[in-house]
């Protein structure tokens, strides 16, 4: 129970501090390319339990047009200009505090 309370508390503090950066980055993503600013991806966790990861979108909207996940490569042309910056600084991972 203590670990769960700590996780929630730490997430709230981090989210409160990083909210301006997340909002600014979301605006930049929307200005640069069409589509949503956030990206939701289904992942598999412990014991095969599925969960959703929410990230700031760093690729074009149609990056996985076939519906299948495709690994990003070095100098991948699907990555936007803003996407390159937020991937290097890991800002795209901040929405996971939610």
PDB file of N, CA and C in Angstrom:
ATOM      1  N   UNK A   1       0.816  -1.182   0.000  1.00  0.00           N
ATOM      2  CA  UNK A   1       0.000   0.000   0.000  1.00  0.00           C
ATOM      3  C   UNK A   1       0.875   1.266   0.000  1.00  0.00           C
ATOM      4  N   UNK A   2       1.984   1.225   0.757  1.00  0.00           N
ATOM      5  CA  UNK A   2       2.875   2.382   0.793  1.00  0.00           C
ATOM      6  C   UNK A   2       3.469   2.652  -0.579  1.00  0.00           C
ATOM      7  N   UNK A   3       3.877   1.583  -1.286  1.00  0.00           N
ATOM      8  CA  UNK A   3       4.460   1.765  -2.607  1.00  0.00           C
ATOM      9  C   UNK A   3       3.461   2.414  -3.551  1.00  0.00           C
ATOM     10  N   UNK A   4       2.211   1.979  -3.516  1.00  0.00           N
ATOM     11  CA  UNK A   4       1.178   2.546  -4.387  1.00  0.00           C
ATOM     12  C   UNK A   4       0.966   4.036  -4.080  1.00  0.00           C
ATOM     13  N   UNK A   5       0.905   4.397  -2.800  1.00  0.00           N
ATOM     14  CA  UNK A   5       0.755   5.796  -2.412  1.00  0.00           C
ATOM     15  C   UNK A   5       1.951   6.626  -2.858  1.00  0.00           C
ATOM     16  N   UNK A   6       3.150   6.052  -2.706  1.00  0.00           N
ATOM     17  CA  UNK A   6       4.347   6.753  -3.154  1.00  0.00           C
ATOM     18  C   UNK A   6       4.322   6.968  -4.668  1.00  0.00           C
ATOM     19  N   UNK A   7       3.952   5.927  -5.422  1.00  0.00           N
ATOM     20  CA  UNK A   7       3.879   6.039  -6.882  1.00  0.00           C
ATOM     21  C   UNK A   7       2.911   7.134  -7.316  1.00  0.00           C
ATOM     22  N   UNK A   8       1.748   7.170  -6.704  1.00  0.00           N
ATOM     23  CA  UNK A   8       0.747   8.184  -7.049  1.00  0.00           C
ATOM     24  C   UNK A   8       1.249   9.577  -6.675  1.00  0.00           C
ATOM     25  N   UNK A   9       1.808   9.709  -5.484  1.00  0.00           N
ATOM     26  CA  UNK A   9       2.332  11.006  -5.040  1.00  0.00           C
ATOM     27  C   UNK A   9       3.459  11.505  -5.924  1.00  0.00           C
ATOM     28  N   UNK A  10       4.404  10.629  -6.247  1.00  0.00           N
ATOM     29  CA  UNK A  10       5.526  11.017  -7.099  1.00  0.00           C
ATOM     30  C   UNK A  10       5.041  11.400  -8.497  1.00  0.00           C
ATOM     31  N   UNK A  11       4.068  10.661  -9.025  1.00  0.00           N
ATOM     32  CA  UNK A  11       3.512  10.986 -10.348  1.00  0.00           C
ATOM     33  C   UNK A  11       2.826  12.343 -10.342  1.00  0.00           C
ATOM     34  N   UNK A  12       2.079  12.630  -9.295  1.00  0.00           N
ATOM     35  CA  UNK A  12       1.399  13.923  -9.202  1.00  0.00           C
ATOM     36  C   UNK A  12       2.386  15.086  -9.120  1.00  0.00           C
ATOM     37  N   UNK A  13       3.440  14.919  -8.335  1.00  0.00           N
ATOM     38  CA  UNK A  13       4.457  15.970  -8.232  1.00  0.00           C
ATOM     39  C   UNK A  13       5.151  16.171  -9.577  1.00  0.00           C
ATOM     40  N   UNK A  14       5.569  15.080 -10.205  1.00  0.00           N
ATOM     41  CA  UNK A  14       6.251  15.175 -11.494  1.00  0.00           C
ATOM     42  C   UNK A  14       5.341  15.777 -12.565  1.00  0.00           C
ATOM     43  N   UNK A  15       4.097  15.349 -12.586  1.00  0.00           N
ATOM     44  CA  UNK A  15       3.146  15.873 -13.565  1.00  0.00           C
ATOM     45  C   UNK A  15       2.903  17.363 -13.350  1.00  0.00           C
ATOM     46  N   UNK A  16       2.775  17.780 -12.105  1.00  0.00           N
ATOM     47  CA  UNK A  16       2.569  19.198 -11.802  1.00  0.00           C
ATOM     48  C   UNK A  16       3.749  20.034 -12.272  1.00  0.00           C
ATOM     49  N   UNK A  17       4.955  19.552 -12.044  1.00  0.00           N
ATOM     50  CA  UNK A  17       6.148  20.298 -12.456  1.00  0.00           C
ATOM     51  C   UNK A  17       6.338  20.304 -13.970  1.00  0.00           C
ATOM     52  N   UNK A  18       5.995  19.220 -14.628  1.00  0.00           N
ATOM     53  CA  UNK A  18       6.250  19.082 -16.058  1.00  0.00           C
ATOM     54  C   UNK A  18       5.081  19.471 -16.956  1.00  0.00           C
ATOM     55  N   UNK A  19       3.927  19.795 -16.379  1.00  0.00           N
ATOM     56  CA  UNK A  19       2.746  20.126 -17.180  1.00  0.00           C
ATOM     57  C   UNK A  19       2.993  21.259 -18.185  1.00  0.00           C
ATOM     58  N   UNK A  20       3.682  22.340 -17.806  1.00  0.00           N
ATOM     59  CA  UNK A  20       3.943  23.384 -18.808  1.00  0.00           C
ATOM     60  C   UNK A  20       4.775  22.884 -19.997  1.00  0.00           C
ATOM     61  N   UNK A  21       5.740  22.021 -19.739  1.00  0.00           N
ATOM     62  CA  UNK A  21       6.576  21.481 -20.819  1.00  0.00           C
ATOM     63  C   UNK A  21       5.747  20.560 -21.708  1.00  0.00           C
ATOM     64  N   UNK A  22       4.902  19.734 -21.092  1.00  0.00           N
ATOM     65  CA  UNK A  22       4.049  18.828 -21.865  1.00  0.00           C
ATOM     66  C   UNK A  22       3.102  19.624 -22.758  1.00  0.00           C
ATOM     67  N   UNK A  23       2.464  20.657 -22.202  1.00  0.00           N
ATOM     68  CA  UNK A  23       1.521  21.469 -22.976  1.00  0.00           C
ATOM     69  C   UNK A  23       2.218  22.204 -24.114  1.00  0.00           C
ATOM     70  N   UNK A  24       3.371  22.801 -23.851  1.00  0.00           N
ATOM     71  CA  UNK A  24       4.121  23.499 -24.895  1.00  0.00           C
ATOM     72  C   UNK A  24       4.531  22.544 -26.012  1.00  0.00           C
ATOM     73  N   UNK A  25       5.002  21.375 -25.646  1.00  0.00           N
ATOM     74  CA  UNK A  25       5.407  20.383 -26.636  1.00  0.00           C
ATOM     75  C   UNK A  25       4.207  19.885 -27.441  1.00  0.00           C
ATOM     76  N   UNK A  26       3.074  19.682 -26.783  1.00  0.00           N
ATOM     77  CA  UNK A  26       1.864  19.252 -27.489  1.00  0.00           C
ATOM     78  C   UNK A  26       1.444  20.297 -28.521  1.00  0.00           C
ATOM     79  N   UNK A  27       1.546  21.556 -28.168  1.00  0.00           N
ATOM     80  CA  UNK A  27       1.223  22.632 -29.114  1.00  0.00           C
ATOM     81  C   UNK A  27       2.179  22.608 -30.295  1.00  0.00           C
ATOM     82  N   UNK A  28       3.467  22.421 -30.041  1.00  0.00           N
ATOM     83  CA  UNK A  28       4.455  22.359 -31.126  1.00  0.00           C
ATOM     84  C   UNK A  28       4.206  21.172 -32.053  1.00  0.00           C
ATOM     85  N   UNK A  29       3.845  20.035 -31.483  1.00  0.00           N
ATOM     86  CA  UNK A  29       3.544  18.842 -32.293  1.00  0.00           C
ATOM     87  C   UNK A  29       2.341  19.126 -33.190  1.00  0.00           C
ATOM     88  N   UNK A  30       1.285  19.741 -32.619  1.00  0.00           N
ATOM     89  CA  UNK A  30       0.088  20.051 -33.403  1.00  0.00           C
ATOM     90  C   UNK A  30       0.381  21.069 -34.504  1.00  0.00           C
ATOM     91  N   UNK A  31       1.236  22.044 -34.228  1.00  0.00           N
ATOM     92  CA  UNK A  31       1.565  23.057 -35.230  1.00  0.00           C
ATOM     93  C   UNK A  31       2.384  22.478 -36.381  1.00  0.00           C
ATOM     94  N   UNK A  32       3.226  21.501 -36.076  1.00  0.00           N
ATOM     95  CA  UNK A  32       4.102  20.951 -37.108  1.00  0.00           C
ATOM     96  C   UNK A  32       3.395  19.953 -38.024  1.00  0.00           C
ATOM     97  N   UNK A  33       2.508  19.140 -37.481  1.00  0.00           N
ATOM     98  CA  UNK A  33       1.901  18.111 -38.314  1.00  0.00           C
ATOM     99  C   UNK A  33       0.454  17.871 -37.913  1.00  0.00           C
ATOM    100  N   UNK A  34      -0.311  17.340 -38.853  1.00  0.00           N
ATOM    101  CA  UNK A  34      -1.712  17.029 -38.594  1.00  0.00           C
ATOM    102  C   UNK A  34      -1.825  15.830 -37.670  1.00  0.00           C
ATOM    103  N   UNK A  35      -2.962  15.727 -37.032  1.00  0.00           N
ATOM    104  CA  UNK A  35      -3.209  14.584 -36.163  1.00  0.00           C
ATOM    105  C   UNK A  35      -3.109  14.954 -34.700  1.00  0.00           C
ATOM    106  N   UNK A  36      -3.347  13.984 -33.836  1.00  0.00           N
ATOM    107  CA  UNK A  36      -3.330  14.244 -32.392  1.00  0.00           C
ATOM    108  C   UNK A  36      -1.915  14.487 -31.877  1.00  0.00           C
ATOM    109  N   UNK A  37      -1.805  15.200 -30.779  1.00  0.00           N
ATOM    110  CA  UNK A  37      -0.505  15.467 -30.170  1.00  0.00           C
ATOM    111  C   UNK A  37      -0.021  14.264 -29.361  1.00  0.00           C
ATOM    112  N   UNK A  38      -0.976  13.454 -28.894  1.00  0.00           N
ATOM    113  CA  UNK A  38      -0.618  12.305 -28.065  1.00  0.00           C
ATOM    114  C   UNK A  38      -0.820  11.015 -28.831  1.00  0.00           C
ATOM    115  N   UNK A  39      -0.044  10.014 -28.449  1.00  0.00           N
ATOM    116  CA  UNK A  39      -0.048   8.720 -29.114  1.00  0.00           C
ATOM    117  C   UNK A  39      -0.248   7.650 -28.056  1.00  0.00           C
ATOM    118  N   UNK A  40      -1.161   6.754 -28.306  1.00  0.00           N
ATOM    119  CA  UNK A  40      -1.434   5.661 -27.365  1.00  0.00           C
ATOM    120  C   UNK A  40      -1.005   4.348 -28.020  1.00  0.00           C
ATOM    121  N   UNK A  41      -0.203   3.588 -27.290  1.00  0.00           N
ATOM    122  CA  UNK A  41       0.269   2.315 -27.817  1.00  0.00           C
ATOM    123  C   UNK A  41       0.017   1.220 -26.789  1.00  0.00           C
ATOM    124  N   UNK A  42      -0.466   0.093 -27.247  1.00  0.00           N
ATOM    125  CA  UNK A  42      -0.738  -1.055 -26.371  1.00  0.00           C
ATOM    126  C   UNK A  42       0.560  -1.821 -26.173  1.00  0.00           C
ATOM    127  N   UNK A  43       0.901  -2.106 -24.929  1.00  0.00           N
ATOM    128  CA  UNK A  43       2.094  -2.882 -24.589  1.00  0.00           C
ATOM    129  C   UNK A  43       1.684  -4.055 -23.708  1.00  0.00           C
ATOM    130  N   UNK A  44       2.573  -5.017 -23.597  1.00  0.00           N
ATOM    131  CA  UNK A  44       2.320  -6.189 -22.764  1.00  0.00           C
ATOM    132  C   UNK A  44       3.260  -6.132 -21.565  1.00  0.00           C
ATOM    133  N   UNK A  45       2.672  -6.263 -20.378  1.00  0.00           N
ATOM    134  CA  UNK A  45       3.443  -6.173 -19.150  1.00  0.00           C
ATOM    135  C   UNK A  45       3.610  -7.510 -18.471  1.00  0.00           C
ATOM    136  N   UNK A  46       3.806  -7.452 -17.188  1.00  0.00           N
ATOM    137  CA  UNK A  46       4.024  -8.625 -16.346  1.00  0.00           C
ATOM    138  C   UNK A  46       2.853  -9.595 -16.449  1.00  0.00           C
ATOM    139  N   UNK A  47       3.149 -10.863 -16.600  1.00  0.00           N
ATOM    140  CA  UNK A  47       2.155 -11.938 -16.716  1.00  0.00           C
ATOM    141  C   UNK A  47       1.251 -11.770 -17.925  1.00  0.00           C
ATOM    142  N   UNK A  48       1.742 -11.102 -18.956  1.00  0.00           N
ATOM    143  CA  UNK A  48       0.983 -10.947 -20.186  1.00  0.00           C
ATOM    144  C   UNK A  48      -0.156  -9.940 -20.106  1.00  0.00           C
ATOM    145  N   UNK A  49      -0.191  -9.152 -19.051  1.00  0.00           N
ATOM    146  CA  UNK A  49      -1.243  -8.152 -18.882  1.00  0.00           C
ATOM    147  C   UNK A  49      -0.983  -6.964 -19.800  1.00  0.00           C
ATOM    148  N   UNK A  50      -1.978  -6.572 -20.571  1.00  0.00           N
ATOM    149  CA  UNK A  50      -1.835  -5.447 -21.476  1.00  0.00           C
ATOM    150  C   UNK A  50      -2.080  -4.123 -20.781  1.00  0.00           C
ATOM    151  N   UNK A  51      -1.391  -3.099 -21.232  1.00  0.00           N
ATOM    152  CA  UNK A  51      -1.599  -1.748 -20.715  1.00  0.00           C
ATOM    153  C   UNK A  51      -1.292  -0.754 -21.829  1.00  0.00           C
ATOM    154  N   UNK A  52      -1.832   0.441 -21.699  1.00  0.00           N
ATOM    155  CA  UNK A  52      -1.619   1.487 -22.694  1.00  0.00           C
ATOM    156  C   UNK A  52      -0.549   2.446 -22.227  1.00  0.00           C
ATOM    157  N   UNK A  53       0.346   2.809 -23.147  1.00  0.00           N
ATOM    158  CA  UNK A  53       1.370   3.816 -22.899  1.00  0.00           C
ATOM    159  C   UNK A  53       0.952   5.059 -23.677  1.00  0.00           C
ATOM    160  N   UNK A  54       0.913   6.195 -23.002  1.00  0.00           N
ATOM    161  CA  UNK A  54       0.581   7.454 -23.657  1.00  0.00           C
ATOM    162  C   UNK A  54       1.855   8.272 -23.779  1.00  0.00           C
ATOM    163  N   UNK A  55       2.134   8.701 -25.010  1.00  0.00           N
ATOM    164  CA  UNK A  55       3.339   9.471 -25.278  1.00  0.00           C
ATOM    165  C   UNK A  55       2.987  10.652 -26.177  1.00  0.00           C
ATOM    166  N   UNK A  56       3.863  11.628 -26.232  1.00  0.00           N
ATOM    167  CA  UNK A  56       3.717  12.690 -27.210  1.00  0.00           C
ATOM    168  C   UNK A  56       4.127  12.127 -28.559  1.00  0.00           C
ATOM    169  N   UNK A  57       3.369  12.438 -29.584  1.00  0.00           N
ATOM    170  CA  UNK A  57       3.635  11.884 -30.910  1.00  0.00           C
ATOM    171  C   UNK A  57       4.897  12.509 -31.502  1.00  0.00           C
ATOM    172  N   UNK A  58       5.812  11.664 -31.942  1.00  0.00           N
ATOM    173  CA  UNK A  58       7.066  12.135 -32.528  1.00  0.00           C
ATOM    174  C   UNK A  58       7.200  11.748 -33.998  1.00  0.00           C
ATOM    175  N   UNK A  59       6.228  11.004 -34.517  1.00  0.00           N
ATOM    176  CA  UNK A  59       6.257  10.587 -35.920  1.00  0.00           C
ATOM    177  C   UNK A  59       5.031  11.122 -36.647  1.00  0.00           C
ATOM    178  N   UNK A  60       5.089  11.035 -37.966  1.00  0.00           N
ATOM    179  CA  UNK A  60       3.927  11.409 -38.774  1.00  0.00           C
ATOM    180  C   UNK A  60       2.728  10.571 -38.354  1.00  0.00           C
ATOM    181  N   UNK A  61       1.559  11.065 -38.633  1.00  0.00           N
ATOM    182  CA  UNK A  61       0.318  10.383 -38.271  1.00  0.00           C
ATOM    183  C   UNK A  61       0.213   8.999 -38.914  1.00  0.00           C
ATOM    184  N   UNK A  62       0.703   8.852 -40.143  1.00  0.00           N
ATOM    185  CA  UNK A  62       0.575   7.585 -40.871  1.00  0.00           C
ATOM    186  C   UNK A  62       1.824   6.707 -40.768  1.00  0.00           C
ATOM    187  N   UNK A  63       2.575   6.833 -39.696  1.00  0.00           N
ATOM    188  CA  UNK A  63       3.848   6.116 -39.558  1.00  0.00           C
ATOM    189  C   UNK A  63       3.673   4.601 -39.558  1.00  0.00           C
ATOM    190  N   UNK A  64       2.565   4.134 -39.020  1.00  0.00           N
ATOM    191  CA  UNK A  64       2.287   2.693 -38.996  1.00  0.00           C
ATOM    192  C   UNK A  64       1.009   2.445 -39.781  1.00  0.00           C
ATOM    193  N   UNK A  65       1.015   2.847 -41.041  1.00  0.00           N
ATOM    194  CA  UNK A  65      -0.184   2.816 -41.883  1.00  0.00           C
ATOM    195  C   UNK A  65      -0.771   1.417 -42.038  1.00  0.00           C
ATOM    196  N   UNK A  66       0.051   0.399 -42.040  1.00  0.00           N
ATOM    197  CA  UNK A  66      -0.446  -0.958 -42.217  1.00  0.00           C
ATOM    198  C   UNK A  66      -1.072  -1.542 -40.970  1.00  0.00           C
ATOM    199  N   UNK A  67      -1.055  -0.783 -39.875  1.00  0.00           N
ATOM    200  CA  UNK A  67      -1.617  -1.277 -38.626  1.00  0.00           C
ATOM    201  C   UNK A  67      -0.648  -2.124 -37.824  1.00  0.00           C
ATOM    202  N   UNK A  68       0.541  -2.317 -38.346  1.00  0.00           N
ATOM    203  CA  UNK A  68       1.558  -3.102 -37.657  1.00  0.00           C
ATOM    204  C   UNK A  68       2.668  -2.184 -37.165  1.00  0.00           C
ATOM    205  N   UNK A  69       3.205  -2.500 -36.003  1.00  0.00           N
ATOM    206  CA  UNK A  69       4.301  -1.713 -35.448  1.00  0.00           C
ATOM    207  C   UNK A  69       5.554  -1.910 -36.297  1.00  0.00           C
ATOM    208  N   UNK A  70       6.258  -0.813 -36.526  1.00  0.00           N
ATOM    209  CA  UNK A  70       7.500  -0.842 -37.297  1.00  0.00           C
ATOM    210  C   UNK A  70       8.574  -0.181 -36.438  1.00  0.00           C
ATOM    211  N   UNK A  71       9.703  -0.853 -36.254  1.00  0.00           N
ATOM    212  CA  UNK A  71      10.788  -0.301 -35.448  1.00  0.00           C
ATOM    213  C   UNK A  71      11.345   0.946 -36.110  1.00  0.00           C
ATOM    214  N   UNK A  72      11.641   1.940 -35.291  1.00  0.00           N
ATOM    215  CA  UNK A  72      12.270   3.162 -35.801  1.00  0.00           C
ATOM    216  C   UNK A  72      13.732   2.870 -36.114  1.00  0.00           C
ATOM    217  N   UNK A  73      14.223   3.505 -37.154  1.00  0.00           N
ATOM    218  CA  UNK A  73      15.606   3.332 -37.570  1.00  0.00           C
ATOM    219  C   UNK A  73      16.357   4.637 -37.378  1.00  0.00           C
ATOM    220  N   UNK A  74      17.656   4.575 -37.500  1.00  0.00           N
ATOM    221  CA  UNK A  74      18.454   5.796 -37.441  1.00  0.00           C
ATOM    222  C   UNK A  74      18.075   6.660 -38.640  1.00  0.00           C
ATOM    223  N   UNK A  75      17.871   7.959 -38.405  1.00  0.00           N
ATOM    224  CA  UNK A  75      17.463   8.910 -39.447  1.00  0.00           C
ATOM    225  C   UNK A  75      16.161   8.479 -40.123  1.00  0.00           C
ATOM    226  N   UNK A  76      15.236   7.942 -39.356  1.00  0.00           N
ATOM    227  CA  UNK A  76      13.942   7.492 -39.866  1.00  0.00           C
ATOM    228  C   UNK A  76      13.181   8.688 -40.449  1.00  0.00           C
ATOM    229  N   UNK A  77      12.746   8.619 -41.705  1.00  0.00           N
ATOM    230  CA  UNK A  77      12.061   9.760 -42.321  1.00  0.00           C
ATOM    231  C   UNK A  77      10.660  10.010 -41.749  1.00  0.00           C
ATOM    232  N   UNK A  78      10.122   9.072 -40.979  1.00  0.00           N
ATOM    233  CA  UNK A  78       8.794   9.252 -40.386  1.00  0.00           C
ATOM    234  C   UNK A  78       8.820  10.171 -39.169  1.00  0.00           C
ATOM    235  N   UNK A  79       9.999  10.413 -38.590  1.00  0.00           N
ATOM    236  CA  UNK A  79      10.123  11.241 -37.394  1.00  0.00           C
ATOM    237  C   UNK A  79      10.096  12.716 -37.802  1.00  0.00           C
ATOM    238  N   UNK A  80       9.272  13.503 -37.116  1.00  0.00           N
ATOM    239  CA  UNK A  80       9.156  14.934 -37.410  1.00  0.00           C
ATOM    240  C   UNK A  80      10.328  15.703 -36.805  1.00  0.00           C
ATOM    241  N   UNK A  81      10.437  16.987 -37.154  1.00  0.00           N
ATOM    242  CA  UNK A  81      11.517  17.815 -36.594  1.00  0.00           C
ATOM    243  C   UNK A  81      11.378  17.944 -35.087  1.00  0.00           C
ATOM    244  N   UNK A  82      10.159  18.251 -34.633  1.00  0.00           N
ATOM    245  CA  UNK A  82       9.920  18.338 -33.189  1.00  0.00           C
ATOM    246  C   UNK A  82      10.154  16.964 -32.556  1.00  0.00           C
ATOM    247  N   UNK A  83       9.764  15.921 -33.261  1.00  0.00           N
ATOM    248  CA  UNK A  83       9.941  14.564 -32.771  1.00  0.00           C
ATOM    249  C   UNK A  83      11.393  14.209 -32.494  1.00  0.00           C
ATOM    250  N   UNK A  84      12.291  14.675 -33.330  1.00  0.00           N
ATOM    251  CA  UNK A  84      13.722  14.396 -33.106  1.00  0.00           C
ATOM    252  C   UNK A  84      14.192  14.993 -31.786  1.00  0.00           C
ATOM    253  N   UNK A  85      13.741  16.201 -31.511  1.00  0.00           N
ATOM    254  CA  UNK A  85      14.157  16.884 -30.279  1.00  0.00           C
ATOM    255  C   UNK A  85      13.547  16.203 -29.054  1.00  0.00           C
ATOM    256  N   UNK A  86      12.254  15.921 -29.109  1.00  0.00           N
ATOM    257  CA  UNK A  86      11.614  15.350 -27.919  1.00  0.00           C
ATOM    258  C   UNK A  86      12.048  13.909 -27.668  1.00  0.00           C
ATOM    259  N   UNK A  87      12.490  13.210 -28.704  1.00  0.00           N
ATOM    260  CA  UNK A  87      13.032  11.862 -28.487  1.00  0.00           C
ATOM    261  C   UNK A  87      14.404  11.930 -27.831  1.00  0.00           C
ATOM    262  N   UNK A  88      15.240  12.855 -28.288  1.00  0.00           N
ATOM    263  CA  UNK A  88      16.585  12.977 -27.701  1.00  0.00           C
ATOM    264  C   UNK A  88      16.525  13.390 -26.232  1.00  0.00           C
ATOM    265  N   UNK A  89      15.593  14.272 -25.904  1.00  0.00           N
ATOM    266  CA  UNK A  89      15.480  14.763 -24.529  1.00  0.00           C
ATOM    267  C   UNK A  89      14.516  13.938 -23.685  1.00  0.00           C
ATOM    268  N   UNK A  90      13.842  12.964 -24.299  1.00  0.00           N
ATOM    269  CA  UNK A  90      12.877  12.065 -23.651  1.00  0.00           C
ATOM    270  C   UNK A  90      11.622  12.786 -23.156  1.00  0.00           C
ATOM    271  N   UNK A  91      11.349  13.973 -23.689  1.00  0.00           N
ATOM    272  CA  UNK A  91      10.132  14.693 -23.331  1.00  0.00           C
ATOM    273  C   UNK A  91       8.902  13.909 -23.771  1.00  0.00           C
ATOM    274  N   UNK A  92       9.037  13.125 -24.835  1.00  0.00           N
ATOM    275  CA  UNK A  92       7.891  12.346 -25.330  1.00  0.00           C
ATOM    276  C   UNK A  92       7.386  11.329 -24.307  1.00  0.00           C
ATOM    277  N   UNK A  93       8.193  10.993 -23.317  1.00  0.00           N
ATOM    278  CA  UNK A  93       7.817  10.007 -22.297  1.00  0.00           C
ATOM    279  C   UNK A  93       7.051  10.622 -21.128  1.00  0.00           C
ATOM    280  N   UNK A  94       7.054  11.947 -20.980  1.00  0.00           N
ATOM    281  CA  UNK A  94       6.469  12.587 -19.802  1.00  0.00           C
ATOM    282  C   UNK A  94       4.974  12.307 -19.591  1.00  0.00           C
ATOM    283  N   UNK A  95       4.153  12.203 -20.642  1.00  0.00           N
ATOM    284  CA  UNK A  95       2.730  11.936 -20.387  1.00  0.00           C
ATOM    285  C   UNK A  95       2.459  10.605 -19.674  1.00  0.00           C
ATOM    286  N   UNK A  96       3.449   9.758 -19.563  1.00  0.00           N
ATOM    287  CA  UNK A  96       3.247   8.489 -18.858  1.00  0.00           C
ATOM    288  C   UNK A  96       3.000   8.703 -17.365  1.00  0.00           C
ATOM    289  N   UNK A  97       3.238   9.913 -16.870  1.00  0.00           N
ATOM    290  CA  UNK A  97       2.930  10.229 -15.459  1.00  0.00           C
ATOM    291  C   UNK A  97       1.440  10.122 -15.200  1.00  0.00           C
ATOM    292  N   UNK A  98       0.618  10.292 -16.252  1.00  0.00           N
ATOM    293  CA  UNK A  98      -0.831  10.166 -16.102  1.00  0.00           C
ATOM    294  C   UNK A  98      -1.175   8.759 -15.717  1.00  0.00           C
TER     295      UNK A  98
END
